[in-house]
Every structure is written in structure tokens, then in C-alpha cells.
Amino acid sequence: MSSTTPLDVFVENLLAAMFFETDDEKAIQAFEAGLSEDIRIEVNGAILPRPVYLGIVKGIRKDNVATDLGNPTLAMHVEDAEKQTGTVAQCGKFTLKNKSTGEEKTSSAGTIAKVEFRDGKRVMTSLTEVMS
């Protein structure tokens, strides 16, 4: 059995680092290291270039404190058991507390992520999100 972090845990940890890590620099480092340069990103039906999605991540972090309420795996297809690459569907729940107003909102996001092994490491190459 592989000692590599399981595919679904890898995706959950990457998304958590991007959105819930308290240190902005570490969050952006996770984004840069974890998302391939040519990633295909679709959010609520809109295809977004990687830099636009990075702007969304930065905006959410700038305006809110995000709290993870869980991100269970719904389904997973592992293509390479040793490298733990493949596709995983998850449904996360989280709160966003606006830093200016203090208003808190609970939201959810369904994600389908594809992870491949490139240049000696795992990276997300496709991300589809449906956010409420």
C-alpha cells in the first residue's frame, strides 16, 4: 500500500489551505503549488482562467474569515493507486464571516477535482465547483 496521502485527502487539504489557512502567504503558496498552470476551472457554469480564480480566492480571503464545516467525499475514482491520482467529488460546507460587517453566512460547494502527476508532484488539473 502507498504511503502517499489519499487522493480525496489531498484535494480536501489543498482546498482547505487555499480558503481556510489563516496565513495569506501560505494560502497563495498552496494555490500556486497545487493548481497546474493549465488547470481548467469552472464555477457555477462559468469557465474561469487561473488568474481570475486566484483573484476570487484572494477576494474571499480579503473580505472574509472562512471556517470549514466539513468536506465529505461523495465519490472517488483513483487512476493510479501508487501516486493517488484521479478524480474526486466532494461537498463542502463552510461559513464566511465578513471582516467589515461581522455578518456570517453559511454556504456549500460541490466540487469535482481531477488530480494528475506532473513534474514529480501531484497537481489539480481540473476543478468544477457549484457554490451556493
Protein backbone atom coordinates (compact mmCIF):
# COMPACT_ATOMS: atom_id res chain seq x y z
CA MET A 1 0.00 0.00 0.00
CA SER A 2 1.17 3.52 -0.80
CA SER A 3 2.25 5.94 1.92
CA THR A 4 1.06 8.80 -0.29
CA THR A 5 -1.78 10.90 1.10
CA PRO A 6 -5.07 9.52 -0.29
CA LEU A 7 -6.49 11.38 -3.29
CA ASP A 8 -9.55 12.75 -1.50
CA VAL A 9 -7.47 13.92 1.46
CA PHE A 10 -5.02 15.63 -0.92
CA VAL A 11 -7.88 17.59 -2.54
CA GLU A 12 -9.50 18.41 0.80
CA ASN A 13 -6.17 19.63 2.22
CA LEU A 14 -5.44 21.75 -0.86
CA LEU A 15 -8.84 23.47 -0.79
CA ALA A 16 -8.55 23.97 2.98
CA ALA A 17 -5.12 25.56 2.58
CA MET A 18 -6.42 27.91 -0.11
CA PHE A 19 -9.55 29.05 1.73
CA PHE A 20 -9.16 28.34 5.46
CA GLU A 21 -5.42 28.81 6.15
CA THR A 22 -5.05 31.91 8.33
CA ASP A 23 -1.74 32.95 6.73
CA ASP A 24 -2.40 34.59 3.35
CA GLU A 25 1.10 33.85 2.07
CA LYS A 26 0.76 30.13 2.83
CA ALA A 27 -2.67 30.07 1.18
CA ILE A 28 -1.35 31.60 -2.04
CA GLN A 29 1.66 29.26 -1.98
CA ALA A 30 -0.76 26.32 -1.76
CA PHE A 31 -2.70 27.70 -4.74
CA GLU A 32 0.46 28.20 -6.81
CA ALA A 33 1.90 24.78 -5.96
CA GLY A 34 -1.33 22.80 -6.08
CA LEU A 35 -3.07 24.04 -9.24
CA SER A 36 -1.47 23.30 -12.61
CA GLU A 37 -0.70 26.27 -14.83
CA ASP A 38 -3.16 24.94 -17.43
CA ILE A 39 -5.93 23.98 -15.00
CA ARG A 40 -9.50 24.02 -16.31
CA ILE A 41 -11.71 25.83 -13.79
CA GLU A 42 -15.49 26.13 -13.96
CA VAL A 43 -17.52 27.82 -11.22
CA ASN A 44 -21.32 27.82 -11.41
CA GLY A 45 -21.13 27.15 -15.15
CA ALA A 46 -18.59 29.89 -15.96
CA ILE A 47 -15.16 28.87 -17.22
CA LEU A 48 -12.51 30.94 -15.45
CA PRO A 49 -8.85 31.45 -16.27
CA ARG A 50 -6.48 30.54 -13.45
CA PRO A 51 -5.58 34.20 -12.67
CA VAL A 52 -9.28 35.11 -12.37
CA TYR A 53 -9.86 32.24 -9.93
CA LEU A 54 -6.82 33.34 -7.94
CA GLY A 55 -8.41 36.80 -7.73
CA ILE A 56 -11.61 35.22 -6.41
CA VAL A 57 -9.67 33.28 -3.78
CA LYS A 58 -7.79 36.43 -2.73
CA GLY A 59 -11.04 38.44 -2.62
CA ILE A 60 -12.80 35.89 -0.43
CA ARG A 61 -9.81 35.83 1.91
CA LYS A 62 -9.51 39.65 1.99
CA ASP A 63 -13.16 40.27 2.82
CA ASN A 64 -14.00 37.27 5.00
CA VAL A 65 -12.86 34.83 7.63
CA ALA A 66 -13.78 31.39 6.29
CA THR A 67 -14.47 28.45 8.59
CA ASP A 68 -14.53 24.87 7.32
CA LEU A 69 -17.59 22.90 8.43
CA GLY A 70 -16.60 19.69 6.63
CA ASN A 71 -15.92 18.48 3.11
CA PRO A 72 -17.01 14.85 2.79
CA THR A 73 -16.10 12.79 -0.25
CA LEU A 74 -19.10 11.75 -2.33
CA ALA A 75 -17.30 9.62 -4.92
CA MET A 76 -13.75 8.93 -5.99
CA HIS A 77 -12.03 7.23 -8.92
CA VAL A 78 -8.34 6.52 -8.33
CA GLU A 79 -6.45 6.12 -11.61
CA ASP A 80 -3.02 5.40 -10.11
CA ALA A 81 -3.10 3.80 -6.67
CA GLU A 82 0.61 4.41 -6.02
CA LYS A 83 0.55 8.11 -6.94
CA GLN A 84 -3.05 8.61 -5.74
CA THR A 85 -4.18 10.47 -8.85
CA GLY A 86 -7.66 10.51 -10.32
CA THR A 87 -10.96 12.29 -9.85
CA VAL A 88 -12.86 13.06 -6.65
CA ALA A 89 -16.25 14.64 -5.90
CA GLN A 90 -16.76 16.38 -2.57
CA CYS A 91 -19.41 18.56 -0.97
CA GLY A 92 -18.06 21.14 1.42
CA LYS A 93 -19.90 23.31 3.88
CA PHE A 94 -18.39 26.48 5.32
CA THR A 95 -19.13 29.85 6.89
CA LEU A 96 -17.93 33.22 5.67
CA LYS A 97 -17.78 35.98 8.27
CA ASN A 98 -17.44 39.41 6.68
CA LYS A 99 -14.50 41.24 8.25
CA SER A 100 -16.18 44.66 7.92
CA THR A 101 -19.76 43.95 8.95
CA GLY A 102 -19.41 40.80 11.04
CA GLU A 103 -22.24 39.24 9.03
CA GLU A 104 -21.91 35.47 8.87
CA LYS A 105 -23.23 33.31 6.06
CA THR A 106 -23.23 29.53 5.75
CA SER A 107 -22.65 28.18 2.24
CA SER A 108 -21.88 24.94 0.48
CA ALA A 109 -19.86 23.98 -2.56
CA GLY A 110 -19.91 20.81 -4.59
CA THR A 111 -16.57 20.15 -6.28
CA ILE A 112 -15.23 17.70 -8.81
CA ALA A 113 -11.45 17.77 -9.00
CA LYS A 114 -9.04 15.90 -11.25
CA VAL A 115 -5.51 15.35 -9.95
CA GLU A 116 -2.58 14.30 -12.11
CA PHE A 117 1.11 13.64 -11.51
CA ARG A 118 3.29 16.21 -13.29
CA ASP A 119 6.92 17.20 -12.90
CA GLY A 120 7.32 14.89 -9.92
CA LYS A 121 4.30 16.05 -7.93
CA ARG A 122 0.52 15.89 -7.78
CA VAL A 123 -1.41 18.89 -9.05
CA MET A 124 -5.05 19.67 -9.64
CA THR A 125 -5.65 19.89 -13.40
CA SER A 126 -9.41 20.40 -13.42
CA LEU A 127 -11.82 21.91 -10.90
CA THR A 128 -15.57 22.22 -11.27
CA GLU A 129 -17.47 23.96 -8.47
CA VAL A 130 -21.11 24.63 -7.81
CA MET A 131 -21.40 27.16 -5.00
CA SER A 132 -24.48 28.33 -3.17
